[in-house]
């Protein structure tokens, strides 16, 4: 590990600190590196309050403003002025803008690009352009980080990302280290509350989860969904149609969701596509049994059912059956917490720190040697 005086300057870039898992991760990860003594700069396109509290107050924040062309120019000027050793971008369009800004600034900053979802390319023209350009962007980056093995496979096989530069690196997931781990009996004694969390979008498929509530044998079970998004009105309509008012609550975005984990009995993930699943890890850290659909991220976190129940995507009846089983027979909370610890900041930030050290070392080598250097094999999701 390098001494504080020799630690490289890092730049973290994200569109804005909105209510998303990638945005929360970037704020928490930047703060973690700052706490470890790294000089850190944080860059955003626009201001948002949802995850700003997760960013250490001492970290300088630069807001580029609206307009992609103007933003790229301002980012290039910032790169020239600050000369960070490594710049890390999150969310698809930011990866492309960072690469263009580095080229415009002609700085030696090493770019680390990160992808956090299978469907990021659908979020706008710039995001689509980023994925289409991955063959070129990945070869000219220091690394492309995918948050799961499944996502890495998609980036390489579908989008043409360089296999040599693209790695799978599971998210560090923040949860209070002192969060108490309840006993199985304590979990079973709680009211039958099912908790879910995520953006209210079609991809999270909360509609199937709500329909599963109508099929539960446990008729006094309630569902709390944390999050906000464009599908709220449609979900409210489904709740009303099924006569579930009073049993299903759309509770909005929770900046500090811990009290919900401390009162629920089961956590549910009904997604049609999920590259990782931060909330699944948070739930396991609090000892909650997990029922999840067979998406890549949940399957890797749960090790194909070893640490939770996995059901087919979109299967309302199987989802309801698994929720009933989890409500009546909770898994061992200590066992679940041990799995969650594998994704904690204490376990995962040092792996990110090793990545930064590798990138800095490679970037200091001759250009030809750097272009032929292969990254070290990195721990996979299940390890």
Protein backbone atom coordinates (compact mmCIF):
# COMPACT_ATOMS: atom_id res chain seq x y z
CA UNK A 1 0.00 0.00 0.00
CA UNK A 2 1.30 3.45 -0.88
CA UNK A 3 2.00 6.11 1.72
CA UNK A 4 -0.48 9.03 1.97
CA UNK A 5 2.00 11.45 0.44
CA UNK A 6 2.43 9.31 -2.67
CA UNK A 7 -1.19 8.34 -3.24
CA UNK A 8 -2.45 9.32 -6.69
CA UNK A 9 -5.07 12.00 -7.22
CA UNK A 10 -8.43 10.55 -8.23
CA UNK A 11 -11.36 12.08 -10.09
CA UNK A 12 -14.84 10.57 -9.79
CA UNK A 13 -17.40 11.56 -12.43
CA UNK A 14 -21.13 10.88 -12.55
CA UNK A 15 -24.03 12.82 -14.13
CA UNK A 16 -25.59 13.70 -10.76
CA UNK A 17 -26.18 12.30 -7.31
CA UNK A 18 -29.73 11.15 -8.01
CA UNK A 19 -31.53 8.20 -6.39
CA UNK A 20 -29.64 5.36 -8.04
CA UNK A 21 -27.34 2.59 -6.91
CA UNK A 22 -24.45 3.71 -9.13
CA UNK A 23 -24.76 7.27 -7.87
CA UNK A 24 -24.78 6.18 -4.24
CA UNK A 25 -21.78 3.93 -4.89
CA UNK A 26 -19.79 6.75 -6.51
CA UNK A 27 -20.42 9.11 -3.58
CA UNK A 28 -19.54 6.42 -1.02
CA UNK A 29 -16.51 5.17 -2.95
CA UNK A 30 -15.10 8.68 -3.41
CA UNK A 31 -15.58 9.26 0.32
CA UNK A 32 -13.88 5.96 1.15
CA UNK A 33 -10.80 6.86 -0.90
CA UNK A 34 -10.77 10.33 0.66
CA UNK A 35 -10.84 8.72 4.12
CA UNK A 36 -7.86 6.57 3.10
CA UNK A 37 -5.82 9.68 2.34
CA UNK A 38 -6.20 9.95 -1.43
CA UNK A 39 -6.62 13.40 -3.00
CA UNK A 40 -10.13 13.18 -4.48
CA UNK A 41 -12.12 15.42 -6.82
CA UNK A 42 -15.80 14.84 -7.55
CA UNK A 43 -17.39 15.95 -10.82
CA UNK A 44 -21.05 16.02 -11.79
CA UNK A 45 -23.09 17.42 -14.66
CA UNK A 46 -25.88 18.72 -12.41
CA UNK A 47 -26.73 19.00 -8.73
CA UNK A 48 -29.06 16.51 -7.05
CA UNK A 49 -29.76 16.00 -3.37
CA UNK A 50 -30.72 12.31 -3.19
CA UNK A 51 -27.21 10.98 -2.58
CA UNK A 52 -25.25 14.16 -1.83
CA UNK A 53 -25.21 13.27 1.87
CA UNK A 54 -23.05 10.22 1.06
CA UNK A 55 -20.23 12.41 -0.26
CA UNK A 56 -17.70 13.63 2.29
CA UNK A 57 -18.07 17.36 2.82
CA UNK A 58 -14.30 17.93 2.42
CA UNK A 59 -14.25 16.60 -1.18
CA UNK A 60 -14.22 19.42 -3.79
CA UNK A 61 -17.26 19.18 -6.09
CA UNK A 62 -17.26 20.60 -9.63
CA UNK A 63 -20.54 20.97 -11.51
CA UNK A 64 -20.14 21.11 -15.29
CA UNK A 65 -23.65 22.32 -16.12
CA UNK A 66 -25.98 21.48 -18.97
CA UNK A 67 -24.96 20.79 -22.56
CA UNK A 68 -22.76 17.85 -23.46
CA UNK A 69 -20.31 19.80 -25.63
CA UNK A 70 -19.89 22.52 -23.02
CA UNK A 71 -19.57 19.88 -20.32
CA UNK A 72 -16.80 18.04 -22.19
CA UNK A 73 -14.88 21.30 -22.62
CA UNK A 74 -15.24 22.18 -18.95
CA UNK A 75 -14.19 18.68 -17.93
CA UNK A 76 -11.14 18.94 -20.21
CA UNK A 77 -10.18 22.24 -18.58
CA UNK A 78 -10.57 20.69 -15.13
CA UNK A 79 -8.41 17.73 -16.13
CA UNK A 80 -5.69 20.12 -17.34
CA UNK A 81 -5.82 22.10 -14.12
CA UNK A 82 -5.98 19.18 -11.67
CA UNK A 83 -3.98 16.49 -13.54
CA UNK A 84 -5.56 13.50 -11.75
CA UNK A 85 -3.68 10.23 -12.14
CA UNK A 86 -6.89 8.24 -12.58
CA UNK A 87 -10.41 9.31 -13.52
CA UNK A 88 -13.34 6.98 -12.87
CA UNK A 89 -16.68 7.50 -14.62
CA UNK A 90 -20.01 5.89 -13.80
CA UNK A 91 -23.17 5.59 -15.89
CA UNK A 92 -22.88 5.10 -19.63
CA UNK A 93 -22.80 8.61 -21.11
CA UNK A 94 -20.24 9.82 -18.59
CA UNK A 95 -17.78 7.21 -19.85
CA UNK A 96 -17.85 8.65 -23.37
CA UNK A 97 -17.65 12.25 -22.14
CA UNK A 98 -14.66 11.42 -19.95
CA UNK A 99 -12.79 9.79 -22.83
CA UNK A 100 -13.47 12.77 -25.11
CA UNK A 101 -12.39 15.24 -22.41
CA UNK A 102 -9.11 13.38 -21.81
CA UNK A 103 -8.40 13.40 -25.55
CA UNK A 104 -9.22 17.11 -25.76
CA UNK A 105 -7.11 18.00 -22.73
CA UNK A 106 -4.19 15.80 -23.84
CA UNK A 107 -3.47 14.79 -20.26
CA UNK A 108 -1.94 11.54 -19.02
CA UNK A 109 -4.93 10.72 -16.83
CA UNK A 110 -5.79 7.01 -16.91
CA UNK A 111 -9.53 6.49 -17.55
CA UNK A 112 -11.42 3.74 -15.72
CA UNK A 113 -14.87 3.30 -17.25
CA UNK A 114 -17.64 1.54 -15.35
CA UNK A 115 -20.93 -0.02 -16.45
CA UNK A 116 -23.67 -0.70 -13.91
CA UNK A 117 -26.59 -2.09 -15.90
CA UNK A 118 -27.50 -4.21 -18.90
CA UNK A 119 -29.90 -1.56 -20.17
CA UNK A 120 -27.88 1.61 -19.64
CA UNK A 121 -27.74 1.97 -23.42
CA UNK A 122 -31.50 2.65 -23.41
CA UNK A 123 -31.26 5.75 -21.23
CA UNK A 124 -30.44 8.23 -24.00
CA UNK A 125 -28.64 8.86 -27.27
CA UNK A 126 -25.32 9.51 -25.54
CA UNK A 127 -25.61 6.26 -23.60
CA UNK A 128 -26.35 4.31 -26.78
CA UNK A 129 -23.36 5.97 -28.47
CA UNK A 130 -21.18 4.93 -25.52
CA UNK A 131 -22.12 1.26 -25.83
CA UNK A 132 -21.73 1.30 -29.62
CA UNK A 133 -18.27 2.83 -29.16
CA UNK A 134 -17.17 0.30 -26.51
CA UNK A 135 -14.80 -1.57 -28.88
CA UNK A 136 -12.78 1.64 -29.28
CA UNK A 137 -13.36 3.10 -25.82
CA UNK A 138 -12.38 -0.09 -24.02
CA UNK A 139 -9.12 -0.52 -25.96
CA UNK A 140 -8.13 3.05 -25.12
CA UNK A 141 -9.16 2.90 -21.48
CA UNK A 142 -7.14 1.65 -18.56
CA UNK A 143 -10.02 -0.65 -17.58
CA UNK A 144 -13.72 -1.17 -18.13
CA UNK A 145 -15.36 -2.35 -14.91
CA UNK A 146 -18.56 -4.40 -14.98
CA UNK A 147 -20.34 -4.93 -11.68
CA UNK A 148 -20.94 -8.66 -12.25
CA UNK A 149 -19.63 -11.55 -14.32
CA UNK A 150 -22.89 -11.59 -16.28
CA UNK A 151 -22.56 -7.94 -17.23
CA UNK A 152 -18.92 -8.40 -18.22
CA UNK A 153 -19.96 -11.24 -20.53
CA UNK A 154 -22.60 -9.01 -22.14
CA UNK A 155 -20.16 -6.12 -22.64
CA UNK A 156 -17.65 -8.40 -24.36
CA UNK A 157 -19.96 -10.67 -26.36
CA UNK A 158 -22.71 -8.22 -27.32
CA UNK A 159 -20.98 -4.84 -27.39
CA UNK A 160 -17.45 -5.80 -28.39
CA UNK A 161 -15.60 -4.55 -25.32
CA UNK A 162 -11.97 -5.63 -25.11
CA UNK A 163 -11.75 -8.91 -23.15
CA UNK A 164 -8.28 -7.93 -21.93
CA UNK A 165 -9.39 -4.57 -20.54
CA UNK A 166 -12.86 -5.52 -19.24
CA UNK A 167 -13.09 -6.94 -15.72
CA UNK A 168 -15.85 -7.97 -13.33
CA UNK A 169 -15.65 -6.18 -10.01
CA UNK A 170 -18.59 -6.45 -7.62
CA UNK A 171 -19.84 -3.29 -5.98
CA UNK A 172 -18.72 -2.36 -2.52
CA UNK A 173 -22.03 -2.03 -0.67
CA UNK A 174 -22.36 0.28 2.30
CA UNK A 175 -24.33 -0.80 5.34
CA UNK A 176 -23.78 0.29 8.94
CA UNK A 177 -20.94 -1.92 10.26
CA UNK A 178 -22.63 -1.97 13.65
CA UNK A 179 -26.00 -3.04 12.22
CA UNK A 180 -27.28 -5.71 14.62
CA UNK A 181 -27.82 -9.22 13.29
CA UNK A 182 -31.12 -10.54 14.65
CA UNK A 183 -31.70 -14.18 15.48
CA UNK A 184 -33.92 -16.38 13.34
CA UNK A 185 -36.54 -16.29 16.11
CA UNK A 186 -36.42 -12.49 16.22
CA UNK A 187 -36.97 -12.31 12.46
CA UNK A 188 -39.87 -14.79 12.69
CA UNK A 189 -41.48 -12.73 15.45
CA UNK A 190 -41.62 -9.58 13.30
CA UNK A 191 -44.82 -8.61 11.49
CA UNK A 192 -44.95 -10.27 8.03
CA UNK A 193 -43.54 -7.31 6.12
CA UNK A 194 -41.93 -7.83 2.71
CA UNK A 195 -39.51 -5.11 1.68
CA UNK A 196 -38.44 -4.17 -1.86
CA UNK A 197 -36.32 -1.29 -3.13
CA UNK A 198 -35.34 0.29 -6.44
CA UNK A 199 -36.31 2.80 -9.08
CA UNK A 200 -39.97 2.54 -10.03
CA UNK A 201 -39.34 1.45 -13.61
CA UNK A 202 -40.54 -1.37 -15.85
CA UNK A 203 -37.22 -3.20 -15.46
CA UNK A 204 -37.73 -3.62 -11.69
CA UNK A 205 -41.12 -5.26 -12.45
CA UNK A 206 -42.75 -4.29 -9.17
CA UNK A 207 -46.08 -4.96 -10.90
CA UNK A 208 -45.36 -8.72 -10.77
CA UNK A 209 -44.42 -8.40 -7.09
CA UNK A 210 -47.68 -6.59 -6.36
CA UNK A 211 -49.65 -9.28 -8.22
CA UNK A 212 -47.80 -11.93 -6.18
CA UNK A 213 -49.06 -10.22 -3.01
CA UNK A 214 -52.61 -10.98 -4.10
CA UNK A 215 -51.74 -14.71 -4.26
CA UNK A 216 -50.03 -15.05 -0.88
CA UNK A 217 -51.41 -17.59 1.57
CA UNK A 218 -50.16 -15.27 4.31
CA UNK A 219 -53.10 -12.87 4.02
CA UNK A 220 -51.84 -10.44 6.66
CA UNK A 221 -48.52 -9.84 4.88
CA UNK A 222 -47.71 -6.28 3.82
CA UNK A 223 -45.35 -5.00 1.13
CA UNK A 224 -43.25 -1.82 1.37
CA UNK A 225 -41.52 -0.63 -1.82
CA UNK A 226 -38.78 2.00 -1.44
CA UNK A 227 -38.01 4.16 -4.46
CA UNK A 228 -39.40 6.68 -6.87
CA UNK A 229 -39.71 6.77 -10.63
CA UNK A 230 -41.95 7.01 -13.70
CA UNK A 231 -43.91 3.79 -13.05
CA UNK A 232 -45.46 5.03 -9.80
CA UNK A 233 -48.87 5.88 -11.29
CA UNK A 234 -49.13 2.51 -13.04
CA UNK A 235 -48.21 0.69 -9.81
CA UNK A 236 -50.77 2.67 -7.84
CA UNK A 237 -53.36 1.59 -10.41
CA UNK A 238 -52.36 -2.07 -10.01
CA UNK A 239 -52.60 -1.80 -6.22
CA UNK A 240 -56.09 -0.35 -6.53
CA UNK A 241 -57.19 -2.91 -9.15
CA UNK A 242 -56.16 -5.83 -6.92
CA UNK A 243 -57.73 -4.35 -3.80
CA UNK A 244 -54.37 -4.14 -2.03
CA UNK A 245 -54.63 -0.62 -0.62
CA UNK A 246 -53.47 -0.80 2.96
CA UNK A 247 -51.31 -3.85 2.23
CA UNK A 248 -48.90 -2.34 -0.32
CA UNK A 249 -47.10 0.94 0.36
CA UNK A 250 -45.05 2.92 -2.16
CA UNK A 251 -42.90 4.61 0.46
CA UNK A 252 -40.71 6.76 -1.82
CA UNK A 253 -36.92 7.04 -1.86
CA UNK A 254 -35.23 6.46 1.50
CA UNK A 255 -31.82 8.09 1.85
CA UNK A 256 -31.30 6.10 5.06
CA UNK A 257 -33.23 2.84 4.54
CA UNK A 258 -31.84 1.01 7.56
CA UNK A 259 -34.96 1.27 9.74
CA UNK A 260 -36.92 -0.55 7.02
CA UNK A 261 -34.43 -3.41 6.98
CA UNK A 262 -34.63 -3.58 10.77
CA UNK A 263 -38.42 -4.09 10.79
CA UNK A 264 -39.06 -6.28 7.70
CA UNK A 265 -39.06 -10.06 7.62
CA UNK A 266 -38.24 -10.73 3.94
CA UNK A 267 -36.64 -8.84 1.06
CA UNK A 268 -37.93 -9.30 -2.51
CA UNK A 269 -36.26 -8.51 -5.84
CA UNK A 270 -38.65 -8.90 -8.79
CA UNK A 271 -36.42 -7.40 -11.51
CA UNK A 272 -36.48 -8.49 -15.13
CA UNK A 273 -32.86 -7.37 -15.44
CA UNK A 274 -30.41 -6.76 -12.62
CA UNK A 275 -26.68 -6.50 -13.15
CA UNK A 276 -25.91 -6.55 -9.43
CA UNK A 277 -28.30 -5.73 -6.59
CA UNK A 278 -27.00 -3.43 -3.84
CA UNK A 279 -30.26 -3.65 -1.89
CA UNK A 280 -30.03 -7.45 -1.80
CA UNK A 281 -26.68 -7.20 -0.02
CA UNK A 282 -28.03 -4.53 2.34
CA UNK A 283 -30.96 -6.81 3.21
CA UNK A 284 -28.70 -9.81 3.85
CA UNK A 285 -26.48 -7.65 6.05
CA UNK A 286 -29.53 -7.06 8.24
CA UNK A 287 -30.34 -10.78 8.30
CA UNK A 288 -33.32 -10.72 5.94
CA UNK A 289 -34.18 -13.74 3.81
CA UNK A 290 -34.12 -12.88 0.11
CA UNK A 291 -36.42 -13.93 -2.70
CA UNK A 292 -35.13 -12.83 -6.10
CA UNK A 293 -35.71 -13.43 -9.78
CA UNK A 294 -33.09 -15.29 -11.80
CA UNK A 295 -31.19 -12.23 -13.05
CA UNK A 296 -27.40 -12.32 -13.34
CA UNK A 297 -26.60 -10.11 -10.36
CA UNK A 298 -28.95 -11.72 -7.82
CA UNK A 299 -27.95 -15.21 -8.96
CA UNK A 300 -24.28 -14.36 -8.42
CA UNK A 301 -24.86 -12.74 -5.03
CA UNK A 302 -27.05 -15.63 -3.87
CA UNK A 303 -24.76 -18.22 -5.52
CA UNK A 304 -27.61 -19.78 -7.51
CA UNK A 305 -29.85 -20.21 -4.47
CA UNK A 306 -27.37 -21.10 -1.74
CA UNK A 307 -28.06 -17.84 0.11
CA UNK A 308 -31.66 -17.21 -0.92
CA UNK A 309 -34.63 -18.29 -2.99
CA UNK A 310 -34.49 -17.74 -6.76
CA UNK A 311 -37.58 -17.82 -8.98
CA UNK A 312 -38.11 -17.46 -12.74
CA UNK A 313 -38.41 -13.90 -14.06
CA UNK A 314 -42.02 -12.74 -14.35
CA UNK A 315 -43.51 -15.85 -12.70
CA UNK A 316 -46.12 -14.45 -10.32
CA UNK A 317 -47.18 -17.80 -8.83
CA UNK A 318 -43.62 -19.02 -8.14
CA UNK A 319 -42.76 -15.64 -6.63
CA UNK A 320 -45.77 -15.80 -4.31
CA UNK A 321 -44.91 -19.38 -3.27
CA UNK A 322 -41.30 -18.43 -2.47
CA UNK A 323 -42.40 -15.37 -0.47
CA UNK A 324 -44.78 -17.52 1.58
CA UNK A 325 -41.96 -19.97 2.27
CA UNK A 326 -39.54 -17.22 3.32
CA UNK A 327 -42.14 -15.61 5.58
CA UNK A 328 -42.86 -18.89 7.36
CA UNK A 329 -39.28 -20.23 7.53
CA UNK A 330 -36.63 -17.45 7.60
CA UNK A 331 -33.04 -18.29 6.67
CA UNK A 332 -30.23 -18.08 9.23
CA UNK A 333 -29.46 -14.34 9.63
CA UNK A 334 -25.85 -14.99 10.69
CA UNK A 335 -25.24 -17.05 7.54
CA UNK A 336 -26.71 -14.24 5.41
CA UNK A 337 -24.66 -11.54 7.15
CA UNK A 338 -21.47 -13.50 6.50
CA UNK A 339 -22.24 -13.51 2.76
CA UNK A 340 -23.04 -9.79 2.83
CA UNK A 341 -19.67 -9.07 4.45
CA UNK A 342 -17.98 -10.31 1.25
CA UNK A 343 -19.40 -7.19 -0.47
CA UNK A 344 -18.79 -4.71 2.35
CA UNK A 345 -16.63 -1.62 1.92
CA UNK A 346 -14.08 -3.20 4.24
CA UNK A 347 -13.74 -6.15 1.85
CA UNK A 348 -14.18 -4.47 -1.54
CA UNK A 349 -12.53 -1.05 -1.31
CA UNK A 350 -9.06 -2.66 -0.99
CA UNK A 351 -9.77 -4.49 -4.28
CA UNK A 352 -10.60 -1.14 -5.91
CA UNK A 353 -7.41 0.23 -4.32
CA UNK A 354 -5.40 -2.59 -5.91
CA UNK A 355 -7.00 -1.76 -9.26
CA UNK A 356 -5.98 1.89 -8.94
CA UNK A 357 -2.41 0.84 -8.10
CA UNK A 358 -2.28 -1.48 -11.13
CA UNK A 359 -3.62 1.23 -13.43
CA UNK A 360 -1.17 3.85 -12.16
CA UNK A 361 1.75 1.46 -12.55
CA UNK A 362 0.76 0.43 -16.07
CA UNK A 363 0.09 4.01 -17.14
CA UNK A 364 3.58 5.03 -16.11
CA UNK A 365 5.12 2.47 -18.46
CA UNK A 366 6.01 2.96 -22.10
CA UNK A 367 2.89 3.31 -24.28
CA UNK A 368 3.62 0.16 -26.26
CA UNK A 369 4.15 -1.90 -23.13
CA UNK A 370 0.97 -0.47 -21.63
CA UNK A 371 -1.11 -1.38 -24.67
CA UNK A 372 -0.01 -5.01 -24.41
CA UNK A 373 -0.29 -5.33 -20.63
CA UNK A 374 -3.04 -7.66 -19.43
CA UNK A 375 -4.86 -7.08 -16.15
CA UNK A 376 -4.44 -9.48 -13.33
CA UNK A 377 -7.22 -12.03 -12.80
CA UNK A 378 -9.54 -10.51 -10.21
CA UNK A 379 -11.82 -12.17 -7.67
CA UNK A 380 -15.18 -13.13 -9.16
CA UNK A 381 -18.60 -12.56 -7.63
CA UNK A 382 -18.89 -15.93 -5.92
CA UNK A 383 -15.54 -15.72 -4.15
